[in-house]
Protein backbone atom coordinates (compact mmCIF):
# COMPACT_ATOMS: atom_id res chain seq x y z
CA UNK A 1 0.00 0.00 0.00
CA UNK A 2 1.44 3.39 -0.91
CA UNK A 3 1.51 6.25 1.55
CA UNK A 4 -1.22 8.05 -0.41
CA UNK A 5 -3.67 5.15 0.03
CA UNK A 6 -5.64 5.36 3.28
CA UNK A 7 -6.06 2.17 5.27
CA UNK A 8 -9.62 0.88 5.31
CA UNK A 9 -11.44 1.19 8.62
CA UNK A 10 -14.24 -1.05 7.46
CA UNK A 11 -14.56 -4.54 8.94
CA UNK A 12 -14.52 -6.25 5.55
CA UNK A 13 -14.93 -5.49 1.91
CA UNK A 14 -13.74 -2.48 0.00
CA UNK A 15 -15.12 0.84 1.12
CA UNK A 16 -16.00 3.67 -1.26
CA UNK A 17 -19.33 2.13 -2.21
CA UNK A 18 -20.82 3.45 -5.47
CA UNK A 19 -23.84 4.71 -3.56
CA UNK A 20 -24.75 6.95 -0.66
CA UNK A 21 -25.13 4.68 2.36
CA UNK A 22 -27.50 7.08 4.13
CA UNK A 23 -29.78 7.21 1.10
CA UNK A 24 -29.87 3.42 0.83
CA UNK A 25 -30.50 3.12 4.59
CA UNK A 26 -33.43 5.51 4.27
CA UNK A 27 -34.89 3.91 1.14
CA UNK A 28 -34.46 0.29 2.25
CA UNK A 29 -34.94 0.56 6.02
CA UNK A 30 -36.66 3.89 6.58
CA UNK A 31 -33.63 4.86 8.68
CA UNK A 32 -33.34 8.45 9.84
CA UNK A 33 -31.19 9.81 12.67
CA UNK A 34 -34.31 10.44 14.76
CA UNK A 35 -35.78 6.98 14.14
CA UNK A 36 -32.43 5.43 14.99
CA UNK A 37 -32.20 7.34 18.30
CA UNK A 38 -35.80 6.65 19.30
CA UNK A 39 -35.77 2.95 18.48
CA UNK A 40 -32.40 2.36 20.17
CA UNK A 41 -33.81 3.90 23.35
CA UNK A 42 -37.01 1.85 23.10
CA UNK A 43 -35.10 -1.39 22.47
CA UNK A 44 -32.72 -0.67 25.34
CA UNK A 45 -35.73 -0.23 27.67
CA UNK A 46 -37.11 -3.63 26.63
CA UNK A 47 -33.74 -5.27 27.26
CA UNK A 48 -33.33 -3.59 30.64
CA UNK A 49 -36.83 -4.72 31.65
CA UNK A 50 -35.82 -8.36 31.17
CA UNK A 51 -33.26 -9.06 33.93
CA UNK A 52 -32.38 -12.57 32.70
CA UNK A 53 -31.31 -11.24 29.31
CA UNK A 54 -27.63 -10.39 29.52
CA UNK A 55 -26.53 -8.66 26.35
CA UNK A 56 -24.65 -5.58 25.22
CA UNK A 57 -26.76 -2.45 25.12
CA UNK A 58 -24.45 -0.14 23.19
CA UNK A 59 -25.93 1.62 20.18
CA UNK A 60 -23.85 -0.27 17.59
CA UNK A 61 -24.98 -3.67 18.88
CA UNK A 62 -28.65 -2.69 19.02
CA UNK A 63 -28.65 -0.99 15.62
CA UNK A 64 -27.52 -4.26 13.98
CA UNK A 65 -30.72 -5.91 15.17
CA UNK A 66 -32.92 -2.90 14.43
CA UNK A 67 -31.65 -2.72 10.86
CA UNK A 68 -32.20 -6.46 10.41
CA UNK A 69 -35.86 -5.89 11.36
CA UNK A 70 -36.31 -2.56 9.56
CA UNK A 71 -36.55 -0.72 12.87
CA UNK A 72 -39.50 -2.73 14.15
CA UNK A 73 -38.53 -2.71 17.82
CA UNK A 74 -40.56 -5.71 19.02
CA UNK A 75 -39.21 -7.86 16.20
CA UNK A 76 -35.65 -6.73 16.91
CA UNK A 77 -36.14 -7.57 20.59
CA UNK A 78 -37.45 -11.06 19.73
CA UNK A 79 -34.46 -11.58 17.44
CA UNK A 80 -32.04 -10.60 20.22
CA UNK A 81 -33.70 -13.05 22.60
CA UNK A 82 -33.46 -15.84 20.00
CA UNK A 83 -29.84 -14.92 19.28
CA UNK A 84 -28.86 -15.39 22.91
CA UNK A 85 -31.01 -18.50 23.34
CA UNK A 86 -29.26 -20.17 20.39
CA UNK A 87 -25.90 -19.24 21.92
CA UNK A 88 -26.94 -20.96 25.16
CA UNK A 89 -28.34 -24.09 23.52
CA UNK A 90 -25.43 -24.59 21.11
CA UNK A 91 -22.47 -23.91 23.38
CA UNK A 92 -20.34 -26.32 21.34
CA UNK A 93 -20.50 -23.79 18.50
CA UNK A 94 -20.47 -20.49 20.39
CA UNK A 95 -18.23 -20.95 23.44
CA UNK A 96 -14.73 -19.52 23.10
CA UNK A 97 -15.50 -18.32 19.59
CA UNK A 98 -12.29 -16.54 18.61
CA UNK A 99 -10.07 -16.84 15.52
CA UNK A 100 -7.36 -18.49 17.61
CA UNK A 101 -9.83 -21.15 18.77
CA UNK A 102 -11.20 -22.28 15.41
CA UNK A 103 -9.57 -24.10 12.51
CA UNK A 104 -9.24 -20.80 10.66
CA UNK A 105 -6.32 -21.87 8.48
CA UNK A 106 -8.02 -25.10 7.37
CA UNK A 107 -11.31 -23.38 6.50
CA UNK A 108 -10.07 -20.14 4.94
CA UNK A 109 -6.55 -20.64 3.64
CA UNK A 110 -5.74 -24.29 2.96
CA UNK A 111 -9.11 -25.41 1.61
CA UNK A 112 -10.75 -22.07 0.77
CA UNK A 113 -14.12 -23.33 1.94
CA UNK A 114 -15.16 -19.75 2.74
CA UNK A 115 -13.89 -16.70 0.86
CA UNK A 116 -14.97 -13.10 1.31
CA UNK A 117 -14.12 -10.98 -1.72
CA UNK A 118 -12.32 -7.67 -1.23
CA UNK A 119 -14.64 -5.87 -3.65
CA UNK A 120 -18.35 -5.42 -3.08
CA UNK A 121 -20.87 -5.89 -5.89
CA UNK A 122 -22.52 -2.99 -7.76
CA UNK A 123 -25.18 -2.69 -5.02
CA UNK A 124 -22.59 -2.42 -2.26
CA UNK A 125 -23.22 -5.95 -0.99
CA UNK A 126 -20.43 -8.01 0.47
CA UNK A 127 -19.70 -11.06 -1.70
CA UNK A 128 -19.05 -14.43 -0.07
CA UNK A 129 -18.11 -17.65 -1.83
CA UNK A 130 -18.92 -20.85 0.05
CA UNK A 131 -17.47 -24.05 -1.38
CA UNK A 132 -19.51 -26.36 0.80
CA UNK A 133 -19.30 -29.23 -1.66
CA UNK A 134 -15.51 -29.23 -1.25
CA UNK A 135 -15.72 -29.87 2.50
CA UNK A 136 -14.50 -33.29 3.62
CA UNK A 137 -14.33 -34.53 7.23
CA UNK A 138 -10.53 -34.83 7.13
CA UNK A 139 -10.24 -31.06 6.50
CA UNK A 140 -11.97 -30.06 9.71
CA UNK A 141 -14.92 -31.30 11.77
CA UNK A 142 -18.31 -30.00 10.66
CA UNK A 143 -18.69 -28.14 13.98
CA UNK A 144 -15.48 -26.25 13.17
CA UNK A 145 -16.85 -25.25 9.77
CA UNK A 146 -19.99 -23.93 11.50
CA UNK A 147 -17.87 -22.10 14.08
CA UNK A 148 -15.84 -20.47 11.33
CA UNK A 149 -19.03 -19.44 9.53
CA UNK A 150 -20.51 -17.94 12.69
CA UNK A 151 -17.30 -16.05 13.45
CA UNK A 152 -17.14 -14.61 9.94
CA UNK A 153 -20.83 -13.70 10.10
CA UNK A 154 -20.34 -11.85 13.37
CA UNK A 155 -17.31 -10.06 11.96
CA UNK A 156 -18.87 -8.92 8.70
CA UNK A 157 -21.91 -7.58 10.57
CA UNK A 158 -19.66 -5.08 12.33
CA UNK A 159 -19.69 -3.18 9.04
CA UNK A 160 -22.48 -0.61 8.72
CA UNK A 161 -22.24 -0.94 4.94
CA UNK A 162 -22.93 -4.67 5.23
CA UNK A 163 -25.78 -4.09 7.69
CA UNK A 164 -27.45 -1.75 5.20
CA UNK A 165 -26.48 -3.16 1.79
CA UNK A 166 -26.36 -6.83 2.77
CA UNK A 167 -24.47 -9.89 1.62
CA UNK A 168 -24.72 -11.98 -1.51
CA UNK A 169 -23.39 -15.53 -1.42
CA UNK A 170 -22.34 -17.91 -4.13
CA UNK A 171 -22.76 -21.42 -2.72
CA UNK A 172 -20.90 -24.15 -4.57
CA UNK A 173 -22.33 -27.58 -3.74
CA UNK A 174 -20.40 -29.48 -6.41
CA UNK A 175 -19.20 -32.84 -5.06
CA UNK A 176 -21.53 -32.60 -2.06
CA UNK A 177 -23.85 -35.37 -1.01
CA UNK A 178 -26.79 -32.99 -1.45
CA UNK A 179 -28.63 -33.36 -4.74
CA UNK A 180 -31.55 -31.16 -5.73
C-alpha atoms as a PDB file:
ATOM      1  CA  UNK A   1       0.000   0.000   0.000  1.00  0.00           C
ATOM      2  CA  UNK A   2       1.437   3.390  -0.914  1.00  0.00           C
ATOM      3  CA  UNK A   3       1.515   6.254   1.549  1.00  0.00           C
ATOM      4  CA  UNK A   4      -1.218   8.052  -0.408  1.00  0.00           C
ATOM      5  CA  UNK A   5      -3.666   5.153   0.034  1.00  0.00           C
ATOM      6  CA  UNK A   6      -5.637   5.362   3.280  1.00  0.00           C
ATOM      7  CA  UNK A   7      -6.064   2.165   5.267  1.00  0.00           C
ATOM      8  CA  UNK A   8      -9.621   0.877   5.310  1.00  0.00           C
ATOM      9  CA  UNK A   9     -11.437   1.193   8.621  1.00  0.00           C
ATOM     10  CA  UNK A  10     -14.236  -1.053   7.465  1.00  0.00           C
ATOM     11  CA  UNK A  11     -14.564  -4.542   8.945  1.00  0.00           C
ATOM     12  CA  UNK A  12     -14.520  -6.247   5.550  1.00  0.00           C
ATOM     13  CA  UNK A  13     -14.932  -5.489   1.909  1.00  0.00           C
ATOM     14  CA  UNK A  14     -13.738  -2.484  -0.004  1.00  0.00           C
ATOM     15  CA  UNK A  15     -15.119   0.836   1.122  1.00  0.00           C
ATOM     16  CA  UNK A  16     -16.000   3.667  -1.256  1.00  0.00           C
ATOM     17  CA  UNK A  17     -19.331   2.134  -2.214  1.00  0.00           C
ATOM     18  CA  UNK A  18     -20.816   3.448  -5.468  1.00  0.00           C
ATOM     19  CA  UNK A  19     -23.842   4.710  -3.563  1.00  0.00           C
ATOM     20  CA  UNK A  20     -24.748   6.948  -0.661  1.00  0.00           C
ATOM     21  CA  UNK A  21     -25.125   4.681   2.359  1.00  0.00           C
ATOM     22  CA  UNK A  22     -27.497   7.084   4.133  1.00  0.00           C
ATOM     23  CA  UNK A  23     -29.775   7.208   1.102  1.00  0.00           C
ATOM     24  CA  UNK A  24     -29.873   3.416   0.832  1.00  0.00           C
ATOM     25  CA  UNK A  25     -30.504   3.118   4.593  1.00  0.00           C
ATOM     26  CA  UNK A  26     -33.433   5.511   4.273  1.00  0.00           C
ATOM     27  CA  UNK A  27     -34.894   3.912   1.138  1.00  0.00           C
ATOM     28  CA  UNK A  28     -34.460   0.287   2.249  1.00  0.00           C
ATOM     29  CA  UNK A  29     -34.938   0.558   6.016  1.00  0.00           C
ATOM     30  CA  UNK A  30     -36.662   3.885   6.580  1.00  0.00           C
ATOM     31  CA  UNK A  31     -33.629   4.857   8.677  1.00  0.00           C
ATOM     32  CA  UNK A  32     -33.340   8.446   9.837  1.00  0.00           C
ATOM     33  CA  UNK A  33     -31.185   9.809  12.670  1.00  0.00           C
ATOM     34  CA  UNK A  34     -34.315  10.442  14.764  1.00  0.00           C
ATOM     35  CA  UNK A  35     -35.783   6.979  14.141  1.00  0.00           C
ATOM     36  CA  UNK A  36     -32.425   5.432  14.993  1.00  0.00           C
ATOM     37  CA  UNK A  37     -32.199   7.345  18.298  1.00  0.00           C
ATOM     38  CA  UNK A  38     -35.796   6.648  19.298  1.00  0.00           C
ATOM     39  CA  UNK A  39     -35.766   2.946  18.477  1.00  0.00           C
ATOM     40  CA  UNK A  40     -32.400   2.356  20.171  1.00  0.00           C
ATOM     41  CA  UNK A  41     -33.809   3.905  23.354  1.00  0.00           C
ATOM     42  CA  UNK A  42     -37.005   1.851  23.096  1.00  0.00           C
ATOM     43  CA  UNK A  43     -35.098  -1.389  22.472  1.00  0.00           C
ATOM     44  CA  UNK A  44     -32.724  -0.665  25.342  1.00  0.00           C
ATOM     45  CA  UNK A  45     -35.730  -0.234  27.671  1.00  0.00           C
ATOM     46  CA  UNK A  46     -37.113  -3.630  26.631  1.00  0.00           C
ATOM     47  CA  UNK A  47     -33.736  -5.269  27.262  1.00  0.00           C
ATOM     48  CA  UNK A  48     -33.326  -3.589  30.644  1.00  0.00           C
ATOM     49  CA  UNK A  49     -36.825  -4.719  31.645  1.00  0.00           C
ATOM     50  CA  UNK A  50     -35.816  -8.358  31.167  1.00  0.00           C
ATOM     51  CA  UNK A  51     -33.263  -9.060  33.930  1.00  0.00           C
ATOM     52  CA  UNK A  52     -32.382 -12.565  32.699  1.00  0.00           C
ATOM     53  CA  UNK A  53     -31.306 -11.237  29.310  1.00  0.00           C
ATOM     54  CA  UNK A  54     -27.625 -10.388  29.519  1.00  0.00           C
ATOM     55  CA  UNK A  55     -26.530  -8.660  26.350  1.00  0.00           C
ATOM     56  CA  UNK A  56     -24.647  -5.584  25.224  1.00  0.00           C
ATOM     57  CA  UNK A  57     -26.757  -2.454  25.118  1.00  0.00           C
ATOM     58  CA  UNK A  58     -24.450  -0.141  23.195  1.00  0.00           C
ATOM     59  CA  UNK A  59     -25.926   1.621  20.182  1.00  0.00           C
ATOM     60  CA  UNK A  60     -23.849  -0.268  17.587  1.00  0.00           C
ATOM     61  CA  UNK A  61     -24.982  -3.673  18.884  1.00  0.00           C
ATOM     62  CA  UNK A  62     -28.652  -2.691  19.022  1.00  0.00           C
ATOM     63  CA  UNK A  63     -28.655  -0.988  15.620  1.00  0.00           C
ATOM     64  CA  UNK A  64     -27.515  -4.261  13.981  1.00  0.00           C
ATOM     65  CA  UNK A  65     -30.723  -5.913  15.169  1.00  0.00           C
ATOM     66  CA  UNK A  66     -32.916  -2.900  14.435  1.00  0.00           C
ATOM     67  CA  UNK A  67     -31.645  -2.722  10.858  1.00  0.00           C
ATOM     68  CA  UNK A  68     -32.203  -6.455  10.409  1.00  0.00           C
ATOM     69  CA  UNK A  69     -35.855  -5.892  11.358  1.00  0.00           C
ATOM     70  CA  UNK A  70     -36.311  -2.563   9.556  1.00  0.00           C
ATOM     71  CA  UNK A  71     -36.549  -0.717  12.872  1.00  0.00           C
ATOM     72  CA  UNK A  72     -39.504  -2.726  14.148  1.00  0.00           C
ATOM     73  CA  UNK A  73     -38.529  -2.713  17.816  1.00  0.00           C
ATOM     74  CA  UNK A  74     -40.565  -5.707  19.024  1.00  0.00           C
ATOM     75  CA  UNK A  75     -39.210  -7.860  16.198  1.00  0.00           C
ATOM     76  CA  UNK A  76     -35.648  -6.729  16.913  1.00  0.00           C
ATOM     77  CA  UNK A  77     -36.143  -7.569  20.587  1.00  0.00           C
ATOM     78  CA  UNK A  78     -37.446 -11.060  19.728  1.00  0.00           C
ATOM     79  CA  UNK A  79     -34.456 -11.582  17.439  1.00  0.00           C
ATOM     80  CA  UNK A  80     -32.042 -10.598  20.217  1.00  0.00           C
ATOM     81  CA  UNK A  81     -33.701 -13.046  22.600  1.00  0.00           C
ATOM     82  CA  UNK A  82     -33.461 -15.837  19.996  1.00  0.00           C
ATOM     83  CA  UNK A  83     -29.841 -14.924  19.279  1.00  0.00           C
ATOM     84  CA  UNK A  84     -28.857 -15.390  22.914  1.00  0.00           C
ATOM     85  CA  UNK A  85     -31.014 -18.497  23.344  1.00  0.00           C
ATOM     86  CA  UNK A  86     -29.257 -20.166  20.391  1.00  0.00           C
ATOM     87  CA  UNK A  87     -25.896 -19.236  21.919  1.00  0.00           C
ATOM     88  CA  UNK A  88     -26.940 -20.960  25.159  1.00  0.00           C
ATOM     89  CA  UNK A  89     -28.341 -24.094  23.519  1.00  0.00           C
ATOM     90  CA  UNK A  90     -25.427 -24.589  21.115  1.00  0.00           C
ATOM     91  CA  UNK A  91     -22.474 -23.914  23.375  1.00  0.00           C
ATOM     92  CA  UNK A  92     -20.337 -26.319  21.336  1.00  0.00           C
ATOM     93  CA  UNK A  93     -20.498 -23.790  18.496  1.00  0.00           C
ATOM     94  CA  UNK A  94     -20.465 -20.485  20.386  1.00  0.00           C
ATOM     95  CA  UNK A  95     -18.233 -20.953  23.439  1.00  0.00           C
ATOM     96  CA  UNK A  96     -14.734 -19.521  23.104  1.00  0.00           C
ATOM     97  CA  UNK A  97     -15.505 -18.321  19.587  1.00  0.00           C
ATOM     98  CA  UNK A  98     -12.292 -16.539  18.609  1.00  0.00           C
ATOM     99  CA  UNK A  99     -10.072 -16.842  15.519  1.00  0.00           C
ATOM    100  CA  UNK A 100      -7.358 -18.491  17.605  1.00  0.00           C
ATOM    101  CA  UNK A 101      -9.834 -21.147  18.773  1.00  0.00           C
ATOM    102  CA  UNK A 102     -11.203 -22.285  15.411  1.00  0.00           C
ATOM    103  CA  UNK A 103      -9.572 -24.096  12.514  1.00  0.00           C
ATOM    104  CA  UNK A 104      -9.240 -20.801  10.659  1.00  0.00           C
ATOM    105  CA  UNK A 105      -6.320 -21.870   8.483  1.00  0.00           C
ATOM    106  CA  UNK A 106      -8.024 -25.104   7.372  1.00  0.00           C
ATOM    107  CA  UNK A 107     -11.305 -23.385   6.499  1.00  0.00           C
ATOM    108  CA  UNK A 108     -10.072 -20.141   4.938  1.00  0.00           C
ATOM    109  CA  UNK A 109      -6.549 -20.643   3.636  1.00  0.00           C
ATOM    110  CA  UNK A 110      -5.739 -24.288   2.956  1.00  0.00           C
ATOM    111  CA  UNK A 111      -9.106 -25.408   1.605  1.00  0.00           C
ATOM    112  CA  UNK A 112     -10.748 -22.065   0.774  1.00  0.00           C
ATOM    113  CA  UNK A 113     -14.115 -23.335   1.939  1.00  0.00           C
ATOM    114  CA  UNK A 114     -15.157 -19.753   2.740  1.00  0.00           C
ATOM    115  CA  UNK A 115     -13.893 -16.704   0.858  1.00  0.00           C
ATOM    116  CA  UNK A 116     -14.967 -13.095   1.314  1.00  0.00           C
ATOM    117  CA  UNK A 117     -14.120 -10.982  -1.725  1.00  0.00           C
ATOM    118  CA  UNK A 118     -12.318  -7.672  -1.235  1.00  0.00           C
ATOM    119  CA  UNK A 119     -14.638  -5.870  -3.646  1.00  0.00           C
ATOM    120  CA  UNK A 120     -18.351  -5.417  -3.077  1.00  0.00           C
ATOM    121  CA  UNK A 121     -20.866  -5.887  -5.888  1.00  0.00           C
ATOM    122  CA  UNK A 122     -22.518  -2.985  -7.757  1.00  0.00           C
ATOM    123  CA  UNK A 123     -25.180  -2.685  -5.022  1.00  0.00           C
ATOM    124  CA  UNK A 124     -22.591  -2.424  -2.259  1.00  0.00           C
ATOM    125  CA  UNK A 125     -23.224  -5.949  -0.990  1.00  0.00           C
ATOM    126  CA  UNK A 126     -20.426  -8.007   0.466  1.00  0.00           C
ATOM    127  CA  UNK A 127     -19.701 -11.061  -1.701  1.00  0.00           C
ATOM    128  CA  UNK A 128     -19.053 -14.434  -0.067  1.00  0.00           C
ATOM    129  CA  UNK A 129     -18.109 -17.648  -1.825  1.00  0.00           C
ATOM    130  CA  UNK A 130     -18.920 -20.852   0.048  1.00  0.00           C
ATOM    131  CA  UNK A 131     -17.465 -24.052  -1.383  1.00  0.00           C
ATOM    132  CA  UNK A 132     -19.506 -26.363   0.803  1.00  0.00           C
ATOM    133  CA  UNK A 133     -19.296 -29.233  -1.662  1.00  0.00           C
ATOM    134  CA  UNK A 134     -15.505 -29.233  -1.254  1.00  0.00           C
ATOM    135  CA  UNK A 135     -15.724 -29.875   2.504  1.00  0.00           C
ATOM    136  CA  UNK A 136     -14.498 -33.287   3.619  1.00  0.00           C
ATOM    137  CA  UNK A 137     -14.333 -34.530   7.229  1.00  0.00           C
ATOM    138  CA  UNK A 138     -10.528 -34.834   7.132  1.00  0.00           C
ATOM    139  CA  UNK A 139     -10.236 -31.062   6.501  1.00  0.00           C
ATOM    140  CA  UNK A 140     -11.972 -30.064   9.707  1.00  0.00           C
ATOM    141  CA  UNK A 141     -14.915 -31.303  11.769  1.00  0.00           C
ATOM    142  CA  UNK A 142     -18.314 -29.995  10.660  1.00  0.00           C
ATOM    143  CA  UNK A 143     -18.685 -28.140  13.981  1.00  0.00           C
ATOM    144  CA  UNK A 144     -15.478 -26.245  13.168  1.00  0.00           C
ATOM    145  CA  UNK A 145     -16.845 -25.253   9.772  1.00  0.00           C
ATOM    146  CA  UNK A 146     -19.985 -23.934  11.499  1.00  0.00           C
ATOM    147  CA  UNK A 147     -17.870 -22.104  14.084  1.00  0.00           C
ATOM    148  CA  UNK A 148     -15.839 -20.468  11.325  1.00  0.00           C
ATOM    149  CA  UNK A 149     -19.026 -19.437   9.530  1.00  0.00           C
ATOM    150  CA  UNK A 150     -20.506 -17.938  12.688  1.00  0.00           C
ATOM    151  CA  UNK A 151     -17.301 -16.055  13.450  1.00  0.00           C
ATOM    152  CA  UNK A 152     -17.144 -14.610   9.940  1.00  0.00           C
ATOM    153  CA  UNK A 153     -20.830 -13.703  10.101  1.00  0.00           C
ATOM    154  CA  UNK A 154     -20.341 -11.848  13.370  1.00  0.00           C
ATOM    155  CA  UNK A 155     -17.309 -10.057  11.960  1.00  0.00           C
ATOM    156  CA  UNK A 156     -18.871  -8.917   8.702  1.00  0.00           C
ATOM    157  CA  UNK A 157     -21.907  -7.579  10.566  1.00  0.00           C
ATOM    158  CA  UNK A 158     -19.663  -5.082  12.332  1.00  0.00           C
ATOM    159  CA  UNK A 159     -19.692  -3.180   9.042  1.00  0.00           C
ATOM    160  CA  UNK A 160     -22.478  -0.613   8.715  1.00  0.00           C
ATOM    161  CA  UNK A 161     -22.242  -0.941   4.943  1.00  0.00           C
ATOM    162  CA  UNK A 162     -22.926  -4.667   5.235  1.00  0.00           C
ATOM    163  CA  UNK A 163     -25.784  -4.090   7.694  1.00  0.00           C
ATOM    164  CA  UNK A 164     -27.455  -1.749   5.197  1.00  0.00           C
ATOM    165  CA  UNK A 165     -26.485  -3.158   1.786  1.00  0.00           C
ATOM    166  CA  UNK A 166     -26.364  -6.832   2.770  1.00  0.00           C
ATOM    167  CA  UNK A 167     -24.469  -9.886   1.617  1.00  0.00           C
ATOM    168  CA  UNK A 168     -24.721 -11.976  -1.509  1.00  0.00           C
ATOM    169  CA  UNK A 169     -23.387 -15.527  -1.419  1.00  0.00           C
ATOM    170  CA  UNK A 170     -22.337 -17.914  -4.131  1.00  0.00           C
ATOM    171  CA  UNK A 171     -22.765 -21.422  -2.719  1.00  0.00           C
ATOM    172  CA  UNK A 172     -20.900 -24.152  -4.568  1.00  0.00           C
ATOM    173  CA  UNK A 173     -22.334 -27.577  -3.738  1.00  0.00           C
ATOM    174  CA  UNK A 174     -20.396 -29.481  -6.411  1.00  0.00           C
ATOM    175  CA  UNK A 175     -19.200 -32.845  -5.056  1.00  0.00           C
ATOM    176  CA  UNK A 176     -21.526 -32.598  -2.061  1.00  0.00           C
ATOM    177  CA  UNK A 177     -23.850 -35.373  -1.013  1.00  0.00           C
ATOM    178  CA  UNK A 178     -26.790 -32.990  -1.451  1.00  0.00           C
ATOM    179  CA  UNK A 179     -28.627 -33.355  -4.738  1.00  0.00           C
ATOM    180  CA  UNK A 180     -31.550 -31.156  -5.734  1.00  0.00           C
END
